[in-house]
PDB file of N, CA and C in Angstrom:
ATOM      1  N   MET A   1      48.276  81.983   7.237  1.00  0.00           N
ATOM      2  CA  MET A   1      48.470  82.797   8.533  1.00  0.00           C
ATOM      3  C   MET A   1      49.026  84.058   8.020  1.00  0.00           C
ATOM      4  N   GLU A   2      48.594  85.274   8.478  1.00  0.00           N
ATOM      5  CA  GLU A   2      49.105  86.509   8.298  1.00  0.00           C
ATOM      6  C   GLU A   2      49.373  87.211   9.517  1.00  0.00           C
ATOM      7  N   ILE A   3      50.640  87.711   9.653  1.00  0.00           N
ATOM      8  CA  ILE A   3      50.989  88.391  10.901  1.00  0.00           C
ATOM      9  C   ILE A   3      51.432  89.815  10.422  1.00  0.00           C
ATOM     10  N   TYR A   4      50.697  90.859  11.136  1.00  0.00           N
ATOM     11  CA  TYR A   4      51.004  92.225  10.941  1.00  0.00           C
ATOM     12  C   TYR A   4      51.621  92.851  12.099  1.00  0.00           C
ATOM     13  N   GLY A   5      52.540  93.655  11.844  1.00  0.00           N
ATOM     14  CA  GLY A   5      53.317  94.352  12.934  1.00  0.00           C
ATOM     15  C   GLY A   5      53.424  95.888  12.581  1.00  0.00           C
ATOM     16  N   GLU A   6      54.010  96.629  13.480  1.00  0.00           N
ATOM     17  CA  GLU A   6      54.213  97.996  13.189  1.00  0.00           C
ATOM     18  C   GLU A   6      55.129  98.270  12.073  1.00  0.00           C
ATOM     19  N   LYS A   7      56.221  97.404  12.014  1.00  0.00           N
ATOM     20  CA  LYS A   7      57.157  97.629  11.008  1.00  0.00           C
ATOM     21  C   LYS A   7      57.327  96.615   9.866  1.00  0.00           C
ATOM     22  N   GLY A   8      56.207  95.903   9.861  1.00  0.00           N
ATOM     23  CA  GLY A   8      56.236  94.825   8.688  1.00  0.00           C
ATOM     24  C   GLY A   8      55.098  93.797   8.907  1.00  0.00           C
ATOM     25  N   SER A   9      55.094  92.859   7.873  1.00  0.00           N
ATOM     26  CA  SER A   9      54.113  91.828   7.663  1.00  0.00           C
ATOM     27  C   SER A   9      54.660  90.578   7.298  1.00  0.00           C
ATOM     28  N   ALA A  10      54.150  89.509   7.730  1.00  0.00           N
ATOM     29  CA  ALA A  10      54.632  88.162   7.290  1.00  0.00           C
ATOM     30  C   ALA A  10      53.408  87.320   6.851  1.00  0.00           C
ATOM     31  N   TRP A  11      53.489  86.829   5.588  1.00  0.00           N
ATOM     32  CA  TRP A  11      52.323  85.930   5.275  1.00  0.00           C
ATOM     33  C   TRP A  11      52.922  84.471   5.087  1.00  0.00           C
ATOM     34  N   LEU A  12      52.279  83.503   5.777  1.00  0.00           N
ATOM     35  CA  LEU A  12      52.849  82.108   5.761  1.00  0.00           C
ATOM     36  C   LEU A  12      51.745  81.249   4.914  1.00  0.00           C
ATOM     37  N   ARG A  13      52.279  80.690   4.002  1.00  0.00           N
ATOM     38  CA  ARG A  13      51.507  79.613   3.208  1.00  0.00           C
ATOM     39  C   ARG A  13      50.337  80.231   2.546  1.00  0.00           C
ATOM     40  N   THR A  14      50.557  81.217   1.689  1.00  0.00           N
ATOM     41  CA  THR A  14      49.414  81.857   1.012  1.00  0.00           C
ATOM     42  C   THR A  14      49.695  81.917  -0.489  1.00  0.00           C
ATOM     43  N   GLU A  15      48.907  82.613  -1.217  1.00  0.00           N
ATOM     44  CA  GLU A  15      49.138  82.686  -2.764  1.00  0.00           C
ATOM     45  C   GLU A  15      50.568  83.295  -3.109  1.00  0.00           C
ATOM     46  N   ARG A  16      51.105  83.899  -2.099  1.00  0.00           N
ATOM     47  CA  ARG A  16      52.431  84.556  -2.438  1.00  0.00           C
ATOM     48  C   ARG A  16      53.633  83.486  -2.179  1.00  0.00           C
ATOM     49  N   GLY A  17      53.315  82.398  -1.670  1.00  0.00           N
ATOM     50  CA  GLY A  17      54.234  81.333  -1.392  1.00  0.00           C
ATOM     51  C   GLY A  17      54.296  80.788  -0.068  1.00  0.00           C
ATOM     52  N   ARG A  18      55.262  80.016   0.338  1.00  0.00           N
ATOM     53  CA  ARG A  18      55.347  79.472   1.691  1.00  0.00           C
ATOM     54  C   ARG A  18      55.699  80.561   2.832  1.00  0.00           C
ATOM     55  N   LEU A  19      56.459  81.594   2.418  1.00  0.00           N
ATOM     56  CA  LEU A  19      56.685  82.780   3.137  1.00  0.00           C
ATOM     57  C   LEU A  19      56.868  84.076   2.346  1.00  0.00           C
ATOM     58  N   ALA A  20      56.223  85.153   2.683  1.00  0.00           N
ATOM     59  CA  ALA A  20      56.446  86.432   2.102  1.00  0.00           C
ATOM     60  C   ALA A  20      56.444  87.342   3.100  1.00  0.00           C
ATOM     61  N   ILE A  21      57.496  88.337   3.092  1.00  0.00           N
ATOM     62  CA  ILE A  21      57.803  89.385   4.095  1.00  0.00           C
ATOM     63  C   ILE A  21      57.871  90.762   3.501  1.00  0.00           C
ATOM     64  N   TYR A  22      57.019  91.568   4.050  1.00  0.00           N
ATOM     65  CA  TYR A  22      57.060  92.984   3.772  1.00  0.00           C
ATOM     66  C   TYR A  22      57.524  93.766   4.960  1.00  0.00           C
ATOM     67  N   ALA A  23      58.771  94.228   4.863  1.00  0.00           N
ATOM     68  CA  ALA A  23      59.388  94.965   6.011  1.00  0.00           C
ATOM     69  C   ALA A  23      60.360  95.872   5.417  1.00  0.00           C
ATOM     70  N   PRO A  24      59.996  97.112   4.901  1.00  0.00           N
ATOM     71  CA  PRO A  24      60.846  98.013   4.202  1.00  0.00           C
ATOM     72  C   PRO A  24      62.017  98.426   4.954  1.00  0.00           C
ATOM     73  N   GLN A  25      61.866  98.880   6.073  1.00  0.00           N
ATOM     74  CA  GLN A  25      62.778  99.310   7.008  1.00  0.00           C
ATOM     75  C   GLN A  25      63.963  98.243   7.181  1.00  0.00           C
ATOM     76  N   TYR A  26      63.560  96.988   7.322  1.00  0.00           N
ATOM     77  CA  TYR A  26      64.437  95.897   7.599  1.00  0.00           C
ATOM     78  C   TYR A  26      65.143  95.443   6.352  1.00  0.00           C
ATOM     79  N   LEU A  27      64.413  95.406   5.173  1.00  0.00           N
ATOM     80  CA  LEU A  27      64.881  94.826   3.964  1.00  0.00           C
ATOM     81  C   LEU A  27      65.540  95.797   3.132  1.00  0.00           C
ATOM     82  N   GLY A  28      65.273  97.129   3.423  1.00  0.00           N
ATOM     83  CA  GLY A  28      65.827  98.164   2.630  1.00  0.00           C
ATOM     84  C   GLY A  28      65.183  98.514   1.280  1.00  0.00           C
ATOM     85  N   HIS A  29      64.031  97.994   1.072  1.00  0.00           N
ATOM     86  CA  HIS A  29      63.126  98.286  -0.208  1.00  0.00           C
ATOM     87  C   HIS A  29      61.654  97.992   0.101  1.00  0.00           C
ATOM     88  N   SER A  30      60.928  98.623  -0.502  1.00  0.00           N
ATOM     89  CA  SER A  30      59.599  98.402  -0.502  1.00  0.00           C
ATOM     90  C   SER A  30      59.109  97.016  -1.377  1.00  0.00           C
ATOM     91  N   GLY A  31      57.976  96.499  -1.161  1.00  0.00           N
ATOM     92  CA  GLY A  31      57.717  95.440  -1.850  1.00  0.00           C
ATOM     93  C   GLY A  31      57.731  94.158  -1.100  1.00  0.00           C
ATOM     94  N   TRP A  32      57.305  93.087  -1.526  1.00  0.00           N
ATOM     95  CA  TRP A  32      57.327  91.636  -0.806  1.00  0.00           C
ATOM     96  C   TRP A  32      58.654  91.097  -1.124  1.00  0.00           C
ATOM     97  N   PHE A  33      59.277  90.316  -0.125  1.00  0.00           N
ATOM     98  CA  PHE A  33      60.279  89.499  -0.378  1.00  0.00           C
ATOM     99  C   PHE A  33      59.859  88.094  -0.062  1.00  0.00           C
ATOM    100  N   THR A  34      60.091  87.229  -1.072  1.00  0.00           N
ATOM    101  CA  THR A  34      59.695  85.756  -0.868  1.00  0.00           C
ATOM    102  C   THR A  34      60.996  85.062  -0.905  1.00  0.00           C
ATOM    103  N   PRO A  35      61.645  84.603   0.061  1.00  0.00           N
ATOM    104  CA  PRO A  35      62.797  83.873   0.156  1.00  0.00           C
ATOM    105  C   PRO A  35      62.550  82.380  -0.284  1.00  0.00           C
ATOM    106  N   ASP A  36      63.655  81.837  -0.996  1.00  0.00           N
ATOM    107  CA  ASP A  36      63.435  80.366  -1.447  1.00  0.00           C
ATOM    108  C   ASP A  36      63.677  79.568  -0.264  1.00  0.00           C
ATOM    109  N   LEU A  37      62.791  78.753  -0.043  1.00  0.00           N
ATOM    110  CA  LEU A  37      62.695  77.882   1.164  1.00  0.00           C
ATOM    111  C   LEU A  37      63.014  76.491   0.573  1.00  0.00           C
ATOM    112  N   THR A  38      63.790  75.705   1.268  1.00  0.00           N
ATOM    113  CA  THR A  38      63.818  74.203   0.924  1.00  0.00           C
ATOM    114  C   THR A  38      62.635  73.431   1.202  1.00  0.00           C
ATOM    115  N   SER A  39      62.676  72.400   0.741  1.00  0.00           N
ATOM    116  CA  SER A  39      61.504  71.512   0.874  1.00  0.00           C
ATOM    117  C   SER A  39      61.588  70.738   2.119  1.00  0.00           C
ATOM    118  N   GLN A  40      62.672  70.952   2.819  1.00  0.00           N
ATOM    119  CA  GLN A  40      62.929  70.249   4.064  1.00  0.00           C
ATOM    120  C   GLN A  40      61.649  70.311   5.070  1.00  0.00           C
ATOM    121  N   ASP A  41      61.475  69.224   5.808  1.00  0.00           N
ATOM    122  CA  ASP A  41      60.247  69.222   6.742  1.00  0.00           C
ATOM    123  C   ASP A  41      60.337  70.387   7.549  1.00  0.00           C
ATOM    124  N   SER A  42      59.142  70.905   7.701  1.00  0.00           N
ATOM    125  CA  SER A  42      58.909  72.368   8.394  1.00  0.00           C
ATOM    126  C   SER A  42      59.389  72.048   9.841  1.00  0.00           C
ATOM    127  N   GLY A  43      60.339  72.954  10.406  1.00  0.00           N
ATOM    128  CA  GLY A  43      60.793  72.978  11.580  1.00  0.00           C
ATOM    129  C   GLY A  43      61.979  72.016  11.915  1.00  0.00           C
ATOM    130  N   LEU A  44      62.353  71.185  10.961  1.00  0.00           N
ATOM    131  CA  LEU A  44      63.293  70.170  11.235  1.00  0.00           C
ATOM    132  C   LEU A  44      64.760  70.848  11.443  1.00  0.00           C
ATOM    133  N   ARG A  45      65.065  71.939  10.663  1.00  0.00           N
ATOM    134  CA  ARG A  45      66.272  72.638  10.880  1.00  0.00           C
ATOM    135  C   ARG A  45      66.415  73.202  12.139  1.00  0.00           C
ATOM    136  N   GLN A  46      65.227  73.886  12.559  1.00  0.00           N
ATOM    137  CA  GLN A  46      65.258  74.528  13.937  1.00  0.00           C
ATOM    138  C   GLN A  46      65.413  73.591  15.048  1.00  0.00           C
ATOM    139  N   HIS A  47      64.681  72.214  14.893  1.00  0.00           N
ATOM    140  CA  HIS A  47      64.797  71.276  16.002  1.00  0.00           C
ATOM    141  C   HIS A  47      66.229  70.779  15.979  1.00  0.00           C
ATOM    142  N   ASN A  48      66.774  70.419  14.735  1.00  0.00           N
ATOM    143  CA  ASN A  48      68.236  70.047  14.788  1.00  0.00           C
ATOM    144  C   ASN A  48      69.228  71.015  15.500  1.00  0.00           C
ATOM    145  N   HIS A  49      68.931  72.256  15.272  1.00  0.00           N
ATOM    146  CA  HIS A  49      69.939  73.259  15.783  1.00  0.00           C
ATOM    147  C   HIS A  49      69.585  73.368  17.318  1.00  0.00           C
ATOM    148  N   PHE A  50      68.504  73.281  17.736  1.00  0.00           N
ATOM    149  CA  PHE A  50      68.175  73.332  19.290  1.00  0.00           C
ATOM    150  C   PHE A  50      68.785  72.125  19.882  1.00  0.00           C
ATOM    151  N   LEU A  51      68.737  70.951  19.464  1.00  0.00           N
ATOM    152  CA  LEU A  51      69.485  69.731  19.865  1.00  0.00           C
ATOM    153  C   LEU A  51      70.901  69.942  19.800  1.00  0.00           C
ATOM    154  N   GLN A  52      71.511  70.562  18.779  1.00  0.00           N
ATOM    155  CA  GLN A  52      73.106  70.753  18.849  1.00  0.00           C
ATOM    156  C   GLN A  52      73.438  71.857  19.898  1.00  0.00           C
ATOM    157  N   MET A  53      72.594  72.748  20.173  1.00  0.00           N
ATOM    158  CA  MET A  53      72.839  73.719  21.239  1.00  0.00           C
ATOM    159  C   MET A  53      72.844  73.071  22.574  1.00  0.00           C
ATOM    160  N   LEU A  54      71.842  72.202  22.843  1.00  0.00           N
ATOM    161  CA  LEU A  54      71.741  71.357  24.025  1.00  0.00           C
ATOM    162  C   LEU A  54      72.957  70.473  24.272  1.00  0.00           C
ATOM    163  N   SER A  55      73.435  69.869  23.232  1.00  0.00           N
ATOM    164  CA  SER A  55      74.520  68.901  23.310  1.00  0.00           C
ATOM    165  C   SER A  55      75.893  69.529  23.354  1.00  0.00           C
ATOM    166  N   GLY A  56      75.794  71.019  23.131  1.00  0.00           N
ATOM    167  CA  GLY A  56      77.121  71.626  23.132  1.00  0.00           C
ATOM    168  C   GLY A  56      77.869  71.590  21.817  1.00  0.00           C
ATOM    169  N   GLU A  57      77.295  71.059  20.729  1.00  0.00           N
ATOM    170  CA  GLU A  57      77.974  71.081  19.440  1.00  0.00           C
ATOM    171  C   GLU A  57      78.134  72.247  18.937  1.00  0.00           C
ATOM    172  N   VAL A  58      77.087  73.261  19.199  1.00  0.00           N
ATOM    173  CA  VAL A  58      77.286  74.589  18.605  1.00  0.00           C
ATOM    174  C   VAL A  58      76.990  75.592  19.895  1.00  0.00           C
ATOM    175  N   PRO A  59      77.551  76.719  19.880  1.00  0.00           N
ATOM    176  CA  PRO A  59      77.115  77.635  20.977  1.00  0.00           C
ATOM    177  C   PRO A  59      75.823  78.067  20.958  1.00  0.00           C
ATOM    178  N   SER A  60      75.122  78.448  22.147  1.00  0.00           N
ATOM    179  CA  SER A  60      73.816  78.826  22.278  1.00  0.00           C
ATOM    180  C   SER A  60      73.785  80.212  21.504  1.00  0.00           C
ATOM    181  N   ASP A  61      72.858  80.518  20.737  1.00  0.00           N
ATOM    182  CA  ASP A  61      72.486  81.645  20.055  1.00  0.00           C
ATOM    183  C   ASP A  61      71.270  82.572  20.625  1.00  0.00           C
ATOM    184  N   ARG A  62      70.705  82.166  21.483  1.00  0.00           N
ATOM    185  CA  ARG A  62      69.692  83.039  21.969  1.00  0.00           C
ATOM    186  C   ARG A  62      69.642  83.032  23.525  1.00  0.00           C
ATOM    187  N   SER A  63      68.896  83.834  23.991  1.00  0.00           N
ATOM    188  CA  SER A  63      68.761  83.945  25.563  1.00  0.00           C
ATOM    189  C   SER A  63      67.407  83.328  26.013  1.00  0.00           C
ATOM    190  N   ALA A  64      67.154  83.153  27.235  1.00  0.00           N
ATOM    191  CA  ALA A  64      65.893  82.839  27.826  1.00  0.00           C
ATOM    192  C   ALA A  64      64.939  83.889  27.525  1.00  0.00           C
ATOM    193  N   GLN A  65      65.326  85.218  27.398  1.00  0.00           N
ATOM    194  CA  GLN A  65      64.509  86.285  27.143  1.00  0.00           C
ATOM    195  C   GLN A  65      63.946  86.197  25.728  1.00  0.00           C
ATOM    196  N   ASP A  66      64.810  85.755  24.866  1.00  0.00           N
ATOM    197  CA  ASP A  66      64.259  85.587  23.302  1.00  0.00           C
ATOM    198  C   ASP A  66      63.262  84.581  23.343  1.00  0.00           C
ATOM    199  N   GLY A  67      63.425  83.369  24.082  1.00  0.00           N
ATOM    200  CA  GLY A  67      62.514  82.322  24.204  1.00  0.00           C
ATOM    201  C   GLY A  67      61.141  82.849  24.779  1.00  0.00           C
ATOM    202  N   LEU A  68      61.293  83.697  25.683  1.00  0.00           N
ATOM    203  CA  LEU A  68      60.023  84.210  26.391  1.00  0.00           C
ATOM    204  C   LEU A  68      59.261  85.024  25.411  1.00  0.00           C
ATOM    205  N   ILE A  69      60.012  85.924  24.764  1.00  0.00           N
ATOM    206  CA  ILE A  69      59.234  86.700  23.765  1.00  0.00           C
ATOM    207  C   ILE A  69      58.513  85.977  22.672  1.00  0.00           C
ATOM    208  N   SER A  70      59.169  85.001  22.181  1.00  0.00           N
ATOM    209  CA  SER A  70      58.544  84.260  20.919  1.00  0.00           C
ATOM    210  C   SER A  70      57.259  83.545  21.621  1.00  0.00           C
ATOM    211  N   ILE A  71      57.295  83.104  22.657  1.00  0.00           N
ATOM    212  CA  ILE A  71      56.010  82.486  23.396  1.00  0.00           C
ATOM    213  C   ILE A  71      54.942  83.627  23.456  1.00  0.00           C
ATOM    214  N   LEU A  72      55.316  84.839  24.043  1.00  0.00           N
ATOM    215  CA  LEU A  72      54.201  85.911  24.033  1.00  0.00           C
ATOM    216  C   LEU A  72      53.783  86.298  22.664  1.00  0.00           C
ATOM    217  N   VAL A  73      54.615  86.363  21.738  1.00  0.00           N
ATOM    218  CA  VAL A  73      54.230  86.627  20.417  1.00  0.00           C
ATOM    219  C   VAL A  73      53.144  85.476  19.893  1.00  0.00           C
ATOM    220  N   THR A  74      53.501  84.203  20.177  1.00  0.00           N
ATOM    221  CA  THR A  74      52.559  83.213  19.781  1.00  0.00           C
ATOM    222  C   THR A  74      51.365  83.338  20.500  1.00  0.00           C
ATOM    223  N   GLU A  75      51.345  83.483  21.786  1.00  0.00           N
ATOM    224  CA  GLU A  75      50.029  83.682  22.555  1.00  0.00           C
ATOM    225  C   GLU A  75      49.290  84.837  22.074  1.00  0.00           C
ATOM    226  N   ALA A  76      49.839  85.938  21.552  1.00  0.00           N
ATOM    227  CA  ALA A  76      49.053  87.080  20.978  1.00  0.00           C
ATOM    228  C   ALA A  76      48.564  86.792  19.740  1.00  0.00           C
ATOM    229  N   ILE A  77      49.221  85.825  18.900  1.00  0.00           N
ATOM    230  CA  ILE A  77      48.503  85.351  17.574  1.00  0.00           C
ATOM    231  C   ILE A  77      47.306  84.707  17.922  1.00  0.00           C
ATOM    232  N   TYR A  78      47.311  83.787  18.977  1.00  0.00           N
ATOM    233  CA  TYR A  78      46.084  83.074  19.308  1.00  0.00           C
ATOM    234  C   TYR A  78      44.883  83.913  19.754  1.00  0.00           C
ATOM    235  N   ARG A  79      45.390  84.921  20.740  1.00  0.00           N
ATOM    236  CA  ARG A  79      44.304  85.655  21.143  1.00  0.00           C
ATOM    237  C   ARG A  79      43.677  86.556  19.908  1.00  0.00           C
ATOM    238  N   SER A  80      44.471  87.080  19.061  1.00  0.00           N
ATOM    239  CA  SER A  80      44.067  87.840  17.855  1.00  0.00           C
ATOM    240  C   SER A  80      43.176  86.874  17.107  1.00  0.00           C
ATOM    241  N   ALA A  81      43.510  85.695  16.865  1.00  0.00           N
ATOM    242  CA  ALA A  81      42.654  84.723  16.146  1.00  0.00           C
ATOM    243  C   ALA A  81      41.363  84.453  16.721  1.00  0.00           C
ATOM    244  N   ASP A  82      41.332  84.294  18.023  1.00  0.00           N
ATOM    245  CA  ASP A  82      40.138  84.061  18.824  1.00  0.00           C
ATOM    246  C   ASP A  82      39.222  85.182  18.750  1.00  0.00           C
ATOM    247  N   SER A  83      39.711  86.406  18.951  1.00  0.00           N
ATOM    248  CA  SER A  83      38.914  87.564  18.954  1.00  0.00           C
ATOM    249  C   SER A  83      38.594  88.291  17.640  1.00  0.00           C
ATOM    250  N   GLY A  84      39.405  87.858  16.578  1.00  0.00           N
ATOM    251  CA  GLY A  84      39.294  88.585  15.369  1.00  0.00           C
ATOM    252  C   GLY A  84      39.611  89.954  15.145  1.00  0.00           C
ATOM    253  N   SER A  85      40.563  90.470  16.178  1.00  0.00           N
ATOM    254  CA  SER A  85      41.016  91.774  16.145  1.00  0.00           C
ATOM    255  C   SER A  85      42.437  91.899  16.546  1.00  0.00           C
ATOM    256  N   TRP A  86      42.981  93.002  16.488  1.00  0.00           N
ATOM    257  CA  TRP A  86      44.503  93.391  16.799  1.00  0.00           C
ATOM    258  C   TRP A  86      44.711  93.118  18.353  1.00  0.00           C
ATOM    259  N   VAL A  87      45.642  92.654  18.762  1.00  0.00           N
ATOM    260  CA  VAL A  87      46.006  92.523  20.142  1.00  0.00           C
ATOM    261  C   VAL A  87      47.465  92.951  20.336  1.00  0.00           C
ATOM    262  N   GLU A  88      47.747  93.462  21.555  1.00  0.00           N
ATOM    263  CA  GLU A  88      49.152  93.934  21.882  1.00  0.00           C
ATOM    264  C   GLU A  88      49.860  92.760  22.310  1.00  0.00           C
ATOM    265  N   VAL A  89      51.025  92.619  22.150  1.00  0.00           N
ATOM    266  CA  VAL A  89      51.945  91.608  22.680  1.00  0.00           C
ATOM    267  C   VAL A  89      52.306  92.045  24.116  1.00  0.00           C
ATOM    268  N   GLU A  90      52.170  91.134  24.928  1.00  0.00           N
ATOM    269  CA  GLU A  90      52.408  91.371  26.394  1.00  0.00           C
ATOM    270  C   GLU A  90      53.819  91.652  26.612  1.00  0.00           C
ATOM    271  N   GLN A  91      54.154  92.458  27.377  1.00  0.00           N
ATOM    272  CA  GLN A  91      55.645  92.954  27.619  1.00  0.00           C
ATOM    273  C   GLN A  91      56.231  91.981  28.822  1.00  0.00           C
ATOM    274  N   PRO A  92      57.436  91.435  28.543  1.00  0.00           N
ATOM    275  CA  PRO A  92      57.891  90.619  29.676  1.00  0.00           C
ATOM    276  C   PRO A  92      58.232  91.324  30.884  1.00  0.00           C
TER     277      PRO A  92
END
């Protein structure tokens, strides 16, 4: 999967590795950044953290607005894949 935005791009599971990020303004340098990712099951860390927030073990680190935005981005990815063209992320 390749995700392109105005300020950067992310490639997931490509010849560059499990994750490659190109975001010069955010990273402070041009070129691709490929973080070392553990071999832990995909999503396991996020799921554990979510459950810890629900149980009160750790404070909530996101708002409902953040959750909505992630869903809108995901929906835009699906629409883009279906149409084969760029689509705008709907504004909440």
